[in-house]
Amino acid sequence: MKYSCRHIDIAGLTRRQFIRFAALSYTTVLVGCAVNPVTGRSQLMLVSEREEAELDRVNHPHQFSSDYGQVQDPALVEYVSSVGRALAGVSHRSDIPYRFVPLNAAYVNAYTFPAGSVGITRGILVGLGSEAELAALIGHELGHVNARHTAQRMSKGVLTSLIVSGVAAYAGGENEKYASLAAGLGTIAAGALLAKYSRDNEREADSLAMDYMVAAGYGPQGHTDLMDMLRSLHKKRPNALELMFASHPMSDERYRDSLRKRNTLPGSSRNLPVHRERYMDRTAPLRAKKAAIEGMQEGDRSMMRKRYTEAEGHYGEALRHAPGDYAGLLMMAKCQLALDRPASAAKFAQDATAAYPTEPQALHVMGIARLRLKDYGSAFESFSGYEKVLPGNPNTLFYKGFSLEKMGNRKESADHYVRYLKKVDSGENATYARGRLKEWGYLK
């Protein structure tokens, strides 16, 4: 097989990854070279831009929903989006249909999918001090997209299975397990796509962030302030940034690099505005919920430690500050499940659905609670409602199949189990589904 790319960037490939790439090439998997939009150099890319867009399209809705959906404040959504659009317009890939979504999650994080779906949690937004810091945060995520870091990692064999097999990867850290267990959501390919970037990726994204924000008219001090805030928070409350540092490793070095680059810029750039007052004005309603958000963060940490009664207290305090908060209600519902109080869990999930009817995660949690209550017909309705809003989660197929089985509808239950096993072939649920199908004569 002749390969025509002259300047394949294979320096970062390990021997095992290189052998794997050679094997893929030999078996006629489509591979090729692409010009990196940032460096202008040709490099190995197993993933086309169209495939990046498809990975993004399929996966970002599930991740955004697991982070409790877009905030219910249209003014804040537009404000964050306007900052994002300004930066995207001066980036190397300005033609991408970016989306910038502030999310209800309380943990501190920002992340992006490979075709420009950027999520920013309330937990980090309440900690920023200026619009320039927000620009630096968004600019960093744009740096990953513009340099095609996810595609690079896939091309080095880190996530090749997503492309080669066409099967969603399942990933999850310790800090996700309680939520996955309680909600029955599982974790789909989103978790793998948001895996840890290399230090070189982070340096490049940091550098690009400052370039983009200065080009958009923001003072680079915002970038240095962001790095300083994150490293200080990491030192004072290391557990507060578990998820962010899983995908964005932080260090004093990144702060020093930011300071160094800022100081090399001409005075006209260094003196650009950071817009502190404007940020404070536009985020005032969000920052009014800071005590509630911090209470949710404490509750999440207690849940991770399996201190469920302690978590209940933190979530209760958060809901006293923000009684109708969708994320707070749903976190409490998951906590009630962990405390083996399904009736209470169902009530909190129902309240969450009433608070945010178009966000489906509460329906899944309600379905799990109803399963535990042995109300199988209502559970099936909840899972069906979730699937109508957000299709594509194989775990929903399993729970619908389980509900149907308990309702005595073996034929439809078997159909759901078969469809589930086509997507997931290991784990407790897969073992259970396969056992039922064998028992019923559908499998040998």
Foldseek 3Di string as FASTA:
>chain_A
DDAPDDFAPCPPADPVLVVVLVVCVVVPQDWHWDQQLPPRDIYTFSADLVNLVVVCVQAPLLVLLLLVHADPDVLLLVVLVVLLLLLLCPASCVVQPAHEGEGAHLFAAWEAGQRHDIYGYLNNLLVAQFVLLSLLVSQLRVLCNSRSQLRVCCRSVQVVCCVPVVFWDFDDDLLCVLVCVLLVQGGTNVVVSLAAGDPVSNLRSNVRSLVSSLVSQAALVSSLVNLVSVVVCCVVPVVRCPPRCRHRPHDVVSSVVSVVVNVVDDPVSNPGHRGRVVSCVSCVVSNLLVQLSVLQSVLSVCVSVVVLVVSLVSLVVSCVSVVQRLVSLQSNLSSCVSVVNLVSSLVSLVSSCVSPVLSQSSLSSNLVSVVSVVVLVSSLVSLVVSCVNRNDRLSSLLSNLVSCVSVVNNVSSLVSLVVSCVRDCDDDSNVVSVVSCVVVPNHD
